[in-house]
Full PDB file with SEQRES, HELIX, SHEET, SSBOND, CRYST1, ORIGX, SCALE, CONECT and MASTER records, all heavy atoms in Angstrom:
SEQRES   1 A   42  GLY CYS GLY ILE ASP ILE THR SER PRO HIS GLY THR LEU          
SEQRES   2 A   42  VAL ALA ASP ILE GLY SER GLY THR ALA ASP ILE ALA VAL          
SEQRES   3 A   42  ILE SER LEU GLY GLY MET THR ILE SER LYS THR TYR LYS          
SEQRES   4 A   42  THR ALA GLY                                                  
SHEET    1 AA1 3 THR A  12  ILE A  17  0                                        
SHEET    2 AA1 3 ALA A  22  SER A  28 -1                                        
SHEET    3 AA1 3 GLY A  31  TYR A  38 -1                                        
CRYST1    1.000    1.000    1.000  90.00  90.00  90.00 P 1           1          
ORIGX1      1.000000  0.000000  0.000000        0.00000                         
ORIGX2      0.000000  1.000000  0.000000        0.00000                         
ORIGX3      0.000000  0.000000  1.000000        0.00000                         
SCALE1      1.000000  0.000000  0.000000        0.00000                         
SCALE2      0.000000  1.000000  0.000000        0.00000                         
SCALE3      0.000000  0.000000  1.000000        0.00000                         
ATOM      1  N   GLY A   1    -127.667 242.680 173.178  1.00  0.00           N  
ATOM      2  CA  GLY A   1    -128.589 243.302 172.227  1.00  0.00           C  
ATOM      3  C   GLY A   1    -127.917 244.322 171.333  1.00  0.00           C  
ATOM      4  O   GLY A   1    -128.386 244.599 170.224  1.00  0.00           O  
ATOM      5  N   CYS A   2    -126.781 244.878 171.805  1.00  0.00           N  
ATOM      6  CA  CYS A   2    -126.008 245.832 170.996  1.00  0.00           C  
ATOM      7  C   CYS A   2    -125.040 245.121 170.050  1.00  0.00           C  
ATOM      8  O   CYS A   2    -124.300 245.778 169.305  1.00  0.00           O  
ATOM      9  CB  CYS A   2    -125.213 246.773 171.906  1.00  0.00           C  
ATOM     10  SG  CYS A   2    -126.228 247.903 172.870  1.00  0.00           S  
ATOM     11  N   GLY A   3    -125.007 243.785 170.125  1.00  0.00           N  
ATOM     12  CA  GLY A   3    -124.115 243.027 169.247  1.00  0.00           C  
ATOM     13  C   GLY A   3    -122.708 242.874 169.774  1.00  0.00           C  
ATOM     14  O   GLY A   3    -121.781 242.574 169.015  1.00  0.00           O  
ATOM     15  N   ILE A   4    -122.508 243.071 171.080  1.00  0.00           N  
ATOM     16  CA  ILE A   4    -121.173 242.975 171.681  1.00  0.00           C  
ATOM     17  C   ILE A   4    -120.898 241.533 172.121  1.00  0.00           C  
ATOM     18  O   ILE A   4    -121.782 240.868 172.674  1.00  0.00           O  
ATOM     19  CB  ILE A   4    -121.068 243.929 172.886  1.00  0.00           C  
ATOM     20  CG1 ILE A   4    -121.162 245.376 172.412  1.00  0.00           C  
ATOM     21  CG2 ILE A   4    -119.767 243.715 173.662  1.00  0.00           C  
ATOM     22  CD1 ILE A   4    -121.413 246.371 173.518  1.00  0.00           C  
ATOM     23  N   ASP A   5    -119.687 241.068 171.888  1.00  0.00           N  
ATOM     24  CA  ASP A   5    -119.270 239.754 172.364  1.00  0.00           C  
ATOM     25  C   ASP A   5    -118.839 239.900 173.818  1.00  0.00           C  
ATOM     26  O   ASP A   5    -117.704 240.296 174.119  1.00  0.00           O  
ATOM     27  CB  ASP A   5    -118.113 239.214 171.510  1.00  0.00           C  
ATOM     28  CG  ASP A   5    -117.610 237.862 172.005  1.00  0.00           C  
ATOM     29  OD1 ASP A   5    -118.306 237.255 172.857  1.00  0.00           O  
ATOM     30  OD2 ASP A   5    -116.535 237.421 171.555  1.00  0.00           O  
ATOM     31  N   ILE A   6    -119.733 239.588 174.731  1.00  0.00           N  
ATOM     32  CA  ILE A   6    -119.452 239.835 176.149  1.00  0.00           C  
ATOM     33  C   ILE A   6    -118.575 238.747 176.763  1.00  0.00           C  
ATOM     34  O   ILE A   6    -118.145 238.882 177.907  1.00  0.00           O  
ATOM     35  CB  ILE A   6    -120.759 239.979 176.964  1.00  0.00           C  
ATOM     36  CG1 ILE A   6    -121.555 238.673 176.971  1.00  0.00           C  
ATOM     37  CG2 ILE A   6    -121.597 241.122 176.438  1.00  0.00           C  
ATOM     38  CD1 ILE A   6    -122.753 238.695 177.899  1.00  0.00           C  
ATOM     39  N   THR A   7    -118.304 237.666 176.027  1.00  0.00           N  
ATOM     40  CA  THR A   7    -117.456 236.597 176.568  1.00  0.00           C  
ATOM     41  C   THR A   7    -115.968 236.848 176.315  1.00  0.00           C  
ATOM     42  O   THR A   7    -115.119 236.113 176.798  1.00  0.00           O  
ATOM     43  CB  THR A   7    -117.838 235.232 175.966  1.00  0.00           C  
ATOM     44  OG1 THR A   7    -117.684 235.289 174.546  1.00  0.00           O  
ATOM     45  CG2 THR A   7    -119.280 234.878 176.310  1.00  0.00           C  
ATOM     46  N   SER A   8    -115.648 237.894 175.555  1.00  0.00           N  
ATOM     47  CA  SER A   8    -114.236 238.188 175.268  1.00  0.00           C  
ATOM     48  C   SER A   8    -113.599 238.915 176.459  1.00  0.00           C  
ATOM     49  O   SER A   8    -114.301 239.538 177.265  1.00  0.00           O  
ATOM     50  CB  SER A   8    -114.127 239.072 174.022  1.00  0.00           C  
ATOM     51  OG  SER A   8    -114.563 240.388 174.310  1.00  0.00           O  
ATOM     52  N   PRO A   9    -112.259 238.875 176.573  1.00  0.00           N  
ATOM     53  CA  PRO A   9    -111.578 239.568 177.686  1.00  0.00           C  
ATOM     54  C   PRO A   9    -111.390 241.052 177.408  1.00  0.00           C  
ATOM     55  O   PRO A   9    -110.332 241.623 177.659  1.00  0.00           O  
ATOM     56  CB  PRO A   9    -110.231 238.827 177.754  1.00  0.00           C  
ATOM     57  CG  PRO A   9    -109.977 238.412 176.347  1.00  0.00           C  
ATOM     58  CD  PRO A   9    -111.322 238.092 175.748  1.00  0.00           C  
ATOM     59  N   HIS A  10    -112.418 241.678 176.876  1.00  0.00           N  
ATOM     60  CA  HIS A  10    -112.386 243.099 176.515  1.00  0.00           C  
ATOM     61  C   HIS A  10    -113.430 243.819 177.357  1.00  0.00           C  
ATOM     62  O   HIS A  10    -114.591 243.398 177.403  1.00  0.00           O  
ATOM     63  CB  HIS A  10    -112.676 243.262 175.019  1.00  0.00           C  
ATOM     64  CG  HIS A  10    -112.525 244.672 174.534  1.00  0.00           C  
ATOM     65  ND1 HIS A  10    -111.316 245.191 174.099  1.00  0.00           N  
ATOM     66  CD2 HIS A  10    -113.426 245.686 174.426  1.00  0.00           C  
ATOM     67  CE1 HIS A  10    -111.494 246.459 173.730  1.00  0.00           C  
ATOM     68  NE2 HIS A  10    -112.759 246.781 173.925  1.00  0.00           N  
ATOM     69  N   GLY A  11    -113.040 244.885 178.027  1.00  0.00           N  
ATOM     70  CA  GLY A  11    -113.955 245.605 178.898  1.00  0.00           C  
ATOM     71  C   GLY A  11    -114.942 246.472 178.140  1.00  0.00           C  
ATOM     72  O   GLY A  11    -114.568 247.200 177.219  1.00  0.00           O  
ATOM     73  N   THR A  12    -116.215 246.390 178.512  1.00  0.00           N  
ATOM     74  CA  THR A  12    -117.266 247.202 177.906  1.00  0.00           C  
ATOM     75  C   THR A  12    -118.115 247.809 179.012  1.00  0.00           C  
ATOM     76  O   THR A  12    -118.571 247.088 179.909  1.00  0.00           O  
ATOM     77  CB  THR A  12    -118.175 246.347 176.994  1.00  0.00           C  
ATOM     78  OG1 THR A  12    -117.381 245.686 176.005  1.00  0.00           O  
ATOM     79  CG2 THR A  12    -119.213 247.214 176.297  1.00  0.00           C  
ATOM     80  N   LEU A  13    -118.309 249.125 178.962  1.00  0.00           N  
ATOM     81  CA  LEU A  13    -119.153 249.803 179.955  1.00  0.00           C  
ATOM     82  C   LEU A  13    -120.521 250.080 179.346  1.00  0.00           C  
ATOM     83  O   LEU A  13    -120.649 250.810 178.359  1.00  0.00           O  
ATOM     84  CB  LEU A  13    -118.502 251.111 180.418  1.00  0.00           C  
ATOM     85  CG  LEU A  13    -119.307 251.975 181.411  1.00  0.00           C  
ATOM     86  CD1 LEU A  13    -119.722 251.182 182.636  1.00  0.00           C  
ATOM     87  CD2 LEU A  13    -118.512 253.196 181.828  1.00  0.00           C  
ATOM     88  N   VAL A  14    -121.534 249.464 179.938  1.00  0.00           N  
ATOM     89  CA  VAL A  14    -122.909 249.622 179.469  1.00  0.00           C  
ATOM     90  C   VAL A  14    -123.760 250.215 180.583  1.00  0.00           C  
ATOM     91  O   VAL A  14    -123.686 249.768 181.737  1.00  0.00           O  
ATOM     92  CB  VAL A  14    -123.513 248.264 179.030  1.00  0.00           C  
ATOM     93  CG1 VAL A  14    -124.968 248.436 178.600  1.00  0.00           C  
ATOM     94  CG2 VAL A  14    -122.710 247.665 177.891  1.00  0.00           C  
ATOM     95  N   ALA A  15    -124.552 251.220 180.249  1.00  0.00           N  
ATOM     96  CA  ALA A  15    -125.503 251.801 181.204  1.00  0.00           C  
ATOM     97  C   ALA A  15    -126.902 251.652 180.617  1.00  0.00           C  
ATOM     98  O   ALA A  15    -127.219 252.256 179.593  1.00  0.00           O  
ATOM     99  CB  ALA A  15    -125.186 253.274 181.458  1.00  0.00           C  
ATOM    100  N   ASP A  16    -127.709 250.794 181.239  1.00  0.00           N  
ATOM    101  CA  ASP A  16    -129.092 250.585 180.795  1.00  0.00           C  
ATOM    102  C   ASP A  16    -130.002 251.395 181.713  1.00  0.00           C  
ATOM    103  O   ASP A  16    -130.151 251.072 182.892  1.00  0.00           O  
ATOM    104  CB  ASP A  16    -129.445 249.095 180.849  1.00  0.00           C  
ATOM    105  CG  ASP A  16    -130.872 248.841 180.392  1.00  0.00           C  
ATOM    106  OD1 ASP A  16    -131.178 249.120 179.218  1.00  0.00           O  
ATOM    107  OD2 ASP A  16    -131.688 248.376 181.213  1.00  0.00           O  
ATOM    108  N   ILE A  17    -130.592 252.453 181.157  1.00  0.00           N  
ATOM    109  CA  ILE A  17    -131.366 253.393 181.972  1.00  0.00           C  
ATOM    110  C   ILE A  17    -132.829 253.327 181.571  1.00  0.00           C  
ATOM    111  O   ILE A  17    -133.226 253.781 180.500  1.00  0.00           O  
ATOM    112  CB  ILE A  17    -130.829 254.832 181.793  1.00  0.00           C  
ATOM    113  CG1 ILE A  17    -129.320 254.840 182.041  1.00  0.00           C  
ATOM    114  CG2 ILE A  17    -131.513 255.780 182.752  1.00  0.00           C  
ATOM    115  CD1 ILE A  17    -128.604 255.962 181.355  1.00  0.00           C  
ATOM    116  N   GLY A  18    -133.618 252.717 182.432  1.00  0.00           N  
ATOM    117  CA  GLY A  18    -135.030 252.530 182.146  1.00  0.00           C  
ATOM    118  C   GLY A  18    -135.919 253.371 183.032  1.00  0.00           C  
ATOM    119  O   GLY A  18    -135.520 254.408 183.543  1.00  0.00           O  
ATOM    120  N   SER A  19    -137.132 252.874 183.250  1.00  0.00           N  
ATOM    121  CA  SER A  19    -138.106 253.601 184.056  1.00  0.00           C  
ATOM    122  C   SER A  19    -137.858 253.415 185.553  1.00  0.00           C  
ATOM    123  O   SER A  19    -137.907 254.368 186.322  1.00  0.00           O  
ATOM    124  CB  SER A  19    -139.514 253.121 183.703  1.00  0.00           C  
ATOM    125  OG  SER A  19    -140.467 253.721 184.528  1.00  0.00           O  
ATOM    126  N   GLY A  20    -137.556 252.174 185.949  1.00  0.00           N  
ATOM    127  CA  GLY A  20    -137.393 251.892 187.367  1.00  0.00           C  
ATOM    128  C   GLY A  20    -135.978 252.058 187.881  1.00  0.00           C  
ATOM    129  O   GLY A  20    -135.766 252.562 188.985  1.00  0.00           O  
ATOM    130  N   THR A  21    -134.983 251.620 187.087  1.00  0.00           N  
ATOM    131  CA  THR A  21    -133.596 251.646 187.544  1.00  0.00           C  
ATOM    132  C   THR A  21    -132.635 252.047 186.433  1.00  0.00           C  
ATOM    133  O   THR A  21    -132.963 251.968 185.249  1.00  0.00           O  
ATOM    134  CB  THR A  21    -133.138 250.258 188.065  1.00  0.00           C  
ATOM    135  OG1 THR A  21    -133.210 249.324 186.976  1.00  0.00           O  
ATOM    136  CG2 THR A  21    -133.990 249.772 189.209  1.00  0.00           C  
ATOM    137  N   ALA A  22    -131.443 252.455 186.851  1.00  0.00           N  
ATOM    138  CA  ALA A  22    -130.315 252.628 185.931  1.00  0.00           C  
ATOM    139  C   ALA A  22    -129.291 251.579 186.334  1.00  0.00           C  
ATOM    140  O   ALA A  22    -128.783 251.606 187.457  1.00  0.00           O  
ATOM    141  CB  ALA A  22    -129.731 254.030 186.047  1.00  0.00           C  
ATOM    142  N   ASP A  23    -129.046 250.616 185.447  1.00  0.00           N  
ATOM    143  CA  ASP A  23    -128.098 249.533 185.721  1.00  0.00           C  
ATOM    144  C   ASP A  23    -126.825 249.790 184.939  1.00  0.00           C  
ATOM    145  O   ASP A  23    -126.841 249.812 183.710  1.00  0.00           O  
ATOM    146  CB  ASP A  23    -128.693 248.186 185.324  1.00  0.00           C  
ATOM    147  CG  ASP A  23    -129.801 247.745 186.267  1.00  0.00           C  
ATOM    148  OD1 ASP A  23    -129.490 247.434 187.414  1.00  0.00           O  
ATOM    149  OD2 ASP A  23    -130.975 247.739 185.854  1.00  0.00           O  
ATOM    150  N   ILE A  24    -125.722 249.949 185.667  1.00  0.00           N  
ATOM    151  CA  ILE A  24    -124.427 250.268 185.042  1.00  0.00           C  
ATOM    152  C   ILE A  24    -123.443 249.152 185.367  1.00  0.00           C  
ATOM    153  O   ILE A  24    -123.353 248.716 186.521  1.00  0.00           O  
ATOM    154  CB  ILE A  24    -123.883 251.616 185.570  1.00  0.00           C  
ATOM    155  CG1 ILE A  24    -124.940 252.716 185.426  1.00  0.00           C  
ATOM    156  CG2 ILE A  24    -122.617 252.018 184.842  1.00  0.00           C  
ATOM    157  CD1 ILE A  24    -125.318 253.405 186.683  1.00  0.00           C  
ATOM    158  N   ALA A  25    -122.707 248.680 184.360  1.00  0.00           N  
ATOM    159  CA  ALA A  25    -121.766 247.597 184.607  1.00  0.00           C  
ATOM    160  C   ALA A  25    -120.623 247.602 183.606  1.00  0.00           C  
ATOM    161  O   ALA A  25    -120.798 248.010 182.451  1.00  0.00           O  
ATOM    162  CB  ALA A  25    -122.480 246.249 184.564  1.00  0.00           C  
ATOM    163  N   VAL A  26    -119.457 247.152 184.075  1.00  0.00           N  
ATOM    164  CA  VAL A  26    -118.309 246.877 183.209  1.00  0.00           C  
ATOM    165  C   VAL A  26    -118.297 245.371 182.988  1.00  0.00           C  
ATOM    166  O   VAL A  26    -118.212 244.599 183.951  1.00  0.00           O  
ATOM    167  CB  VAL A  26    -116.991 247.344 183.838  1.00  0.00           C  
ATOM    168  CG1 VAL A  26    -115.811 246.951 182.955  1.00  0.00           C  
ATOM    169  CG2 VAL A  26    -117.010 248.849 184.064  1.00  0.00           C  
ATOM    170  N   ILE A  27    -118.412 244.957 181.732  1.00  0.00           N  
ATOM    171  CA  ILE A  27    -118.567 243.547 181.396  1.00  0.00           C  
ATOM    172  C   ILE A  27    -117.305 243.029 180.707  1.00  0.00           C  
ATOM    173  O   ILE A  27    -116.769 243.676 179.800  1.00  0.00           O  
ATOM    174  CB  ILE A  27    -119.792 243.349 180.471  1.00  0.00           C  
ATOM    175  CG1 ILE A  27    -121.051 243.870 181.167  1.00  0.00           C  
ATOM    176  CG2 ILE A  27    -119.958 241.890 180.083  1.00  0.00           C  
ATOM    177  CD1 ILE A  27    -122.217 244.080 180.264  1.00  0.00           C  
ATOM    178  N   SER A  28    -116.876 241.849 181.135  1.00  0.00           N  
ATOM    179  CA  SER A  28    -115.712 241.195 180.533  1.00  0.00           C  
ATOM    180  C   SER A  28    -115.772 239.705 180.840  1.00  0.00           C  
ATOM    181  O   SER A  28    -116.187 239.319 181.944  1.00  0.00           O  
ATOM    182  CB  SER A  28    -114.413 241.788 181.087  1.00  0.00           C  
ATOM    183  OG  SER A  28    -113.285 241.104 180.593  1.00  0.00           O  
ATOM    184  N   LEU A  29    -115.414 238.861 179.870  1.00  0.00           N  
ATOM    185  CA  LEU A  29    -115.403 237.399 180.040  1.00  0.00           C  
ATOM    186  C   LEU A  29    -116.749 236.859 180.530  1.00  0.00           C  
ATOM    187  O   LEU A  29    -116.816 235.944 181.353  1.00  0.00           O  
ATOM    188  CB  LEU A  29    -114.290 236.985 181.010  1.00  0.00           C  
ATOM    189  CG  LEU A  29    -112.857 237.106 180.469  1.00  0.00           C  
ATOM    190  CD1 LEU A  29    -111.838 236.870 181.574  1.00  0.00           C  
ATOM    191  CD2 LEU A  29    -112.633 236.121 179.337  1.00  0.00           C  
ATOM    192  N   GLY A  30    -117.828 237.434 180.020  1.00  0.00           N  
ATOM    193  CA  GLY A  30    -119.162 236.940 180.333  1.00  0.00           C  
ATOM    194  C   GLY A  30    -119.683 237.320 181.696  1.00  0.00           C  
ATOM    195  O   GLY A  30    -120.798 236.942 182.077  1.00  0.00           O  
ATOM    196  N   GLY A  31    -118.905 238.078 182.464  1.00  0.00           N  
ATOM    197  CA  GLY A  31    -119.332 238.476 183.796  1.00  0.00           C  
ATOM    198  C   GLY A  31    -119.223 239.977 183.989  1.00  0.00           C  
ATOM    199  O   GLY A  31    -118.759 240.701 183.107  1.00  0.00           O  
ATOM    200  N   MET A  32    -119.674 240.449 185.148  1.00  0.00           N  
ATOM    201  CA  MET A  32    -119.611 241.872 185.468  1.00  0.00           C  
ATOM    202  C   MET A  32    -118.505 242.114 186.490  1.00  0.00           C  
ATOM    203  O   MET A  32    -118.564 241.599 187.606  1.00  0.00           O  
ATOM    204  CB  MET A  32    -120.957 242.359 186.001  1.00  0.00           C  
ATOM    205  CG  MET A  32    -122.096 242.226 185.003  1.00  0.00           C  
ATOM    206  SD  MET A  32    -123.610 243.045 185.553  1.00  0.00           S  
ATOM    207  CE  MET A  32    -123.873 242.266 187.130  1.00  0.00           C  
ATOM    208  N   THR A  33    -117.499 242.879 186.081  1.00  0.00           N  
ATOM    209  CA  THR A  33    -116.382 243.177 186.983  1.00  0.00           C  
ATOM    210  C   THR A  33    -116.824 244.165 188.059  1.00  0.00           C  
ATOM    211  O   THR A  33    -116.561 243.982 189.244  1.00  0.00           O  
ATOM    212  CB  THR A  33    -115.204 243.778 186.190  1.00  0.00           C  
ATOM    213  OG1 THR A  33    -114.886 242.900 185.112  1.00  0.00           O  
ATOM    214  CG2 THR A  33    -113.987 243.960 187.070  1.00  0.00           C  
ATOM    215  N   ILE A  34    -117.474 245.222 187.633  1.00  0.00           N  
ATOM    216  CA  ILE A  34    -118.008 246.249 188.533  1.00  0.00           C  
ATOM    217  C   ILE A  34    -119.436 246.534 188.079  1.00  0.00           C  
ATOM    218  O   ILE A  34    -119.702 246.641 186.876  1.00  0.00           O  
ATOM    219  CB  ILE A  34    -117.192 247.558 188.461  1.00  0.00           C  
ATOM    220  CG1 ILE A  34    -115.726 247.314 188.838  1.00  0.00           C  
ATOM    221  CG2 ILE A  34    -117.793 248.634 189.373  1.00  0.00           C  
ATOM    222  CD1 ILE A  34    -115.496 246.974 190.288  1.00  0.00           C  
ATOM    223  N   SER A  35    -120.363 246.668 189.022  1.00  0.00           N  
ATOM    224  CA  SER A  35    -121.746 246.981 188.641  1.00  0.00           C  
ATOM    225  C   SER A  35    -122.414 247.823 189.718  1.00  0.00           C  
ATOM    226  O   SER A  35    -121.995 247.827 190.877  1.00  0.00           O  
ATOM    227  CB  SER A  35    -122.548 245.700 188.414  1.00  0.00           C  
ATOM    228  OG  SER A  35    -122.720 244.999 189.618  1.00  0.00           O  
ATOM    229  N   LYS A  36    -123.450 248.527 189.300  1.00  0.00           N  
ATOM    230  CA  LYS A  36    -124.208 249.352 190.249  1.00  0.00           C  
ATOM    231  C   LYS A  36    -125.626 249.559 189.721  1.00  0.00           C  
ATOM    232  O   LYS A  36    -125.825 249.777 188.526  1.00  0.00           O  
ATOM    233  CB  LYS A  36    -123.522 250.710 190.439  1.00  0.00           C  
ATOM    234  CG  LYS A  36    -124.209 251.603 191.475  1.00  0.00           C  
ATOM    235  CD  LYS A  36    -123.354 252.800 191.856  1.00  0.00           C  
ATOM    236  CE  LYS A  36    -123.983 253.586 192.986  1.00  0.00           C  
ATOM    237  NZ  LYS A  36    -123.109 254.638 193.502  1.00  0.00           N  
ATOM    238  N   THR A  37    -126.590 249.462 190.613  1.00  0.00           N  
ATOM    239  CA  THR A  37    -127.981 249.758 190.275  1.00  0.00           C  
ATOM    240  C   THR A  37    -128.382 251.041 190.986  1.00  0.00           C  
ATOM    241  O   THR A  37    -128.303 251.125 192.217  1.00  0.00           O  
ATOM    242  CB  THR A  37    -128.920 248.615 190.694  1.00  0.00           C  
ATOM    243  OG1 THR A  37    -128.605 247.449 189.933  1.00  0.00           O  
ATOM    244  CG2 THR A  37    -130.373 248.990 190.422  1.00  0.00           C  
ATOM    245  N   TYR A  38    -128.790 252.031 190.201  1.00  0.00           N  
ATOM    246  CA  TYR A  38    -129.260 253.306 190.763  1.00  0.00           C  
ATOM    247  C   TYR A  38    -130.782 253.315 190.636  1.00  0.00           C  
ATOM    248  O   TYR A  38    -131.323 253.311 189.530  1.00  0.00           O  
ATOM    249  CB  TYR A  38    -128.638 254.472 189.988  1.00  0.00           C  
ATOM    250  CG  TYR A  38    -128.918 255.827 190.581  1.00  0.00           C  
ATOM    251  CD1 TYR A  38    -128.297 256.253 191.752  1.00  0.00           C  
ATOM    252  CD2 TYR A  38    -129.806 256.709 189.955  1.00  0.00           C  
ATOM    253  CE1 TYR A  38    -128.557 257.503 192.292  1.00  0.00           C  
ATOM    254  CE2 TYR A  38    -130.064 257.964 190.483  1.00  0.00           C  
ATOM    255  CZ  TYR A  38    -129.443 258.364 191.658  1.00  0.00           C  
ATOM    256  OH  TYR A  38    -129.699 259.601 192.194  1.00  0.00           O  
ATOM    257  N   LYS A  39    -131.475 253.281 191.780  1.00  0.00           N  
ATOM    258  CA  LYS A  39    -132.919 253.053 191.767  1.00  0.00           C  
ATOM    259  C   LYS A  39    -133.750 254.331 191.666  1.00  0.00           C  
ATOM    260  O   LYS A  39    -134.820 254.431 192.256  1.00  0.00           O  
ATOM    261  CB  LYS A  39    -133.328 252.247 192.999  1.00  0.00           C  
ATOM    262  CG  LYS A  39    -132.739 250.837 192.996  1.00  0.00           C  
ATOM    263  CD  LYS A  39    -133.319 249.966 194.078  1.00  0.00           C  
ATOM    264  CE  LYS A  39    -132.813 248.545 193.956  1.00  0.00           C  
ATOM    265  NZ  LYS A  39    -133.401 247.638 194.952  1.00  0.00           N  
ATOM    266  N   THR A  40    -133.252 255.293 190.920  1.00  0.00           N  
ATOM    267  CA  THR A  40    -134.004 256.522 190.661  1.00  0.00           C  
ATOM    268  C   THR A  40    -133.813 256.862 189.189  1.00  0.00           C  
ATOM    269  O   THR A  40    -132.735 257.299 188.797  1.00  0.00           O  
ATOM    270  CB  THR A  40    -133.495 257.682 191.538  1.00  0.00           C  
ATOM    271  OG1 THR A  40    -133.441 257.244 192.893  1.00  0.00           O  
ATOM    272  CG2 THR A  40    -134.424 258.884 191.445  1.00  0.00           C  
ATOM    273  N   ALA A  41    -134.844 256.637 188.386  1.00  0.00           N  
ATOM    274  CA  ALA A  41    -134.687 256.839 186.939  1.00  0.00           C  
ATOM    275  C   ALA A  41    -135.940 257.481 186.325  1.00  0.00           C  
ATOM    276  O   ALA A  41    -136.423 258.490 186.837  1.00  0.00           O  
ATOM    277  CB  ALA A  41    -134.345 255.511 186.272  1.00  0.00           C  
ATOM    278  N   GLY A  42    -136.470 256.885 185.267  1.00  0.00           N  
ATOM    279  CA  GLY A  42    -137.550 257.509 184.501  1.00  0.00           C  
ATOM    280  C   GLY A  42    -138.812 257.816 185.288  1.00  0.00           C  
ATOM    281  O   GLY A  42    -139.386 258.904 185.166  1.00  0.00           O  
TER     282      GLY A  42                                                      
MASTER        0    0    0    0    3    0    0    6  281    1    0    4          
END                                                                             
């Protein structure tokens, strides 16, 4: 949604922080190398 090409071999750190959870992940080659869901948010 941010316009990032997530299939490239370039690391991108995205933190999506909503009402129920905060989802944080490092994305590269269309997958998540490292990810974490923090279940205390809005």
